[in-house]
Amino acid sequence: MAAIREFKFRGKSVEEIKQLDIKEFAKLLPTRQRRSLSRGFTDAQKRFLAKLDKSKKNVKTHCRAIVIIPQMLDKTILLYSGKQFVPIIIVPEMLGHCLGEFVLSRNRVSHSAPGVGATRSSAGVSVR
């Protein structure tokens, strides 16, 4: 039987990562995320993290640019997509990414046939 592999983030287990403070965790991240954490959190991000610590249930947020840190693990966050709040469950593989990467804010464009007021040149295009 194949053994189940334990998730490691830069050589550290999830339990070890949860013990790290933010400055130590930032040293494990790529430059962009490390710089973002070293500059500190915005007021909105601080309010979001405070709510996340207090509440047991889902927390709504518009903060798409915040870097996923260890204290967010195993929580469900309702992230705003520009139209609605989409639930995402934070798993260890998401560490170091931004929240906005996991909820799309733009829809795919699909064009249909020319409309009623179309010009003669666009009306001649074959419709499939």
Protein backbone atom coordinates (compact mmCIF):
# COMPACT_ATOMS: atom_id res chain seq x y z
CA MET A 1 0.00 0.00 0.00
CA ALA A 2 1.13 3.50 -0.74
CA ALA A 3 1.61 5.72 2.29
CA ILE A 4 -0.23 9.03 2.40
CA ARG A 5 2.25 11.86 2.04
CA GLU A 6 2.09 14.60 4.62
CA PHE A 7 1.90 18.12 3.19
CA LYS A 8 5.10 20.11 3.64
CA PHE A 9 5.50 23.83 2.96
CA ARG A 10 9.15 24.62 2.26
CA GLY A 11 10.19 21.59 4.29
CA LYS A 12 7.97 22.34 7.31
CA SER A 13 4.87 20.46 8.39
CA VAL A 14 1.52 22.18 8.94
CA GLU A 15 1.88 21.98 12.73
CA GLU A 16 5.31 23.65 12.55
CA ILE A 17 3.95 26.39 10.28
CA LYS A 18 1.05 27.14 12.64
CA GLN A 19 3.60 27.77 15.41
CA LEU A 20 5.48 30.42 13.40
CA ASP A 21 4.73 34.10 13.79
CA ILE A 22 4.10 36.21 10.68
CA LYS A 23 7.69 37.50 10.35
CA GLU A 24 9.14 33.98 10.46
CA PHE A 25 6.48 32.73 8.03
CA ALA A 26 7.27 35.63 5.66
CA LYS A 27 10.86 34.38 5.35
CA LEU A 28 9.52 31.23 3.68
CA LEU A 29 7.59 33.15 1.02
CA PRO A 30 8.58 34.53 -2.40
CA THR A 31 9.60 38.18 -2.64
CA ARG A 32 6.24 39.74 -3.53
CA GLN A 33 4.37 38.12 -0.64
CA ARG A 34 7.27 38.68 1.77
CA ARG A 35 7.31 42.38 0.90
CA SER A 36 3.54 42.62 1.32
CA LEU A 37 3.71 41.08 4.80
CA SER A 38 6.73 43.14 5.85
CA ARG A 39 4.87 46.37 5.04
CA GLY A 40 2.10 45.34 7.42
CA PHE A 41 -1.63 44.93 6.98
CA THR A 42 -4.05 47.65 5.95
CA ASP A 43 -6.84 48.71 8.33
CA ALA A 44 -9.39 46.61 6.43
CA GLN A 45 -7.11 43.58 6.56
CA LYS A 46 -6.56 44.05 10.31
CA ARG A 47 -10.34 44.17 10.87
CA PHE A 48 -10.76 41.02 8.76
CA LEU A 49 -8.09 39.11 10.74
CA ALA A 50 -9.64 40.23 14.05
CA LYS A 51 -13.06 38.99 12.89
CA LEU A 52 -11.49 35.74 11.70
CA ASP A 53 -9.97 35.11 15.15
CA LYS A 54 -13.22 35.82 17.01
CA SER A 55 -15.81 34.04 14.88
CA LYS A 56 -16.37 30.32 14.53
CA LYS A 57 -18.44 30.62 11.35
CA ASN A 58 -17.88 32.10 7.89
CA VAL A 59 -16.37 35.58 7.61
CA LYS A 60 -17.21 37.85 4.68
CA THR A 61 -14.50 40.02 3.15
CA HIS A 62 -13.65 42.19 0.17
CA CYS A 63 -9.88 41.91 0.89
CA ARG A 64 -8.72 39.99 -2.19
CA ALA A 65 -5.08 41.10 -1.94
CA ILE A 66 -4.33 39.68 1.51
CA VAL A 67 -1.73 36.89 1.62
CA ILE A 68 -2.99 33.62 3.12
CA ILE A 69 -1.22 33.13 6.45
CA PRO A 70 -1.21 30.12 8.83
CA GLN A 71 -3.92 31.50 11.15
CA MET A 72 -6.40 31.28 8.24
CA LEU A 73 -5.94 27.52 7.80
CA ASP A 74 -9.06 25.32 7.99
CA LYS A 75 -11.42 28.33 7.98
CA THR A 76 -14.18 29.11 5.50
CA ILE A 77 -14.04 32.62 4.07
CA LEU A 78 -16.73 34.26 1.97
CA LEU A 79 -14.80 36.28 -0.59
CA TYR A 80 -16.45 38.93 -2.75
CA SER A 81 -16.17 38.34 -6.49
CA GLY A 82 -17.63 41.70 -7.53
CA LYS A 83 -21.13 40.27 -7.71
CA GLN A 84 -21.54 37.80 -4.85
CA PHE A 85 -19.72 36.26 -1.90
CA VAL A 86 -18.12 32.94 -2.84
CA PRO A 87 -17.15 30.50 -0.05
CA ILE A 88 -13.60 29.15 -0.06
CA ILE A 89 -12.08 26.74 2.45
CA ILE A 90 -8.45 27.53 3.23
CA VAL A 91 -6.26 24.42 2.90
CA PRO A 92 -2.47 24.17 3.44
CA GLU A 93 -1.76 24.21 -0.31
CA MET A 94 -3.07 27.80 -0.45
CA LEU A 95 -0.44 29.21 1.96
CA GLY A 96 1.45 32.17 0.51
CA HIS A 97 -1.10 32.87 -2.24
CA CYS A 98 -3.50 35.81 -2.28
CA LEU A 99 -7.19 35.27 -1.54
CA GLY A 100 -8.23 36.80 -4.87
CA GLU A 101 -6.46 34.05 -6.82
CA PHE A 102 -9.12 31.53 -5.79
CA VAL A 103 -12.27 33.45 -6.75
CA LEU A 104 -12.60 34.74 -10.29
CA SER A 105 -13.91 38.28 -10.70
CA ARG A 106 -14.44 38.20 -14.46
CA ASN A 107 -16.65 35.98 -16.55
CA ARG A 108 -15.70 34.40 -19.83
CA VAL A 109 -17.07 36.34 -22.81
CA SER A 110 -19.06 34.38 -25.35
CA HIS A 111 -20.24 36.31 -28.38
CA SER A 112 -23.42 35.41 -30.20
CA ALA A 113 -24.92 36.36 -33.55
CA PRO A 114 -25.05 40.02 -34.69
CA GLY A 115 -27.89 42.00 -33.14
CA VAL A 116 -30.84 43.86 -34.65
CA GLY A 117 -28.97 47.10 -35.30
CA ALA A 118 -25.92 45.46 -36.87
CA THR A 119 -24.31 46.86 -40.00
CA ARG A 120 -24.60 45.07 -43.33
CA SER A 121 -21.00 43.87 -43.20
CA SER A 122 -21.39 42.20 -39.81
CA ALA A 123 -24.78 40.75 -40.81
CA GLY A 124 -23.12 38.78 -43.61
CA VAL A 125 -20.94 36.81 -41.22
CA SER A 126 -22.04 33.19 -41.09
CA VAL A 127 -23.74 32.18 -37.86
CA ARG A 128 -22.92 28.81 -36.42
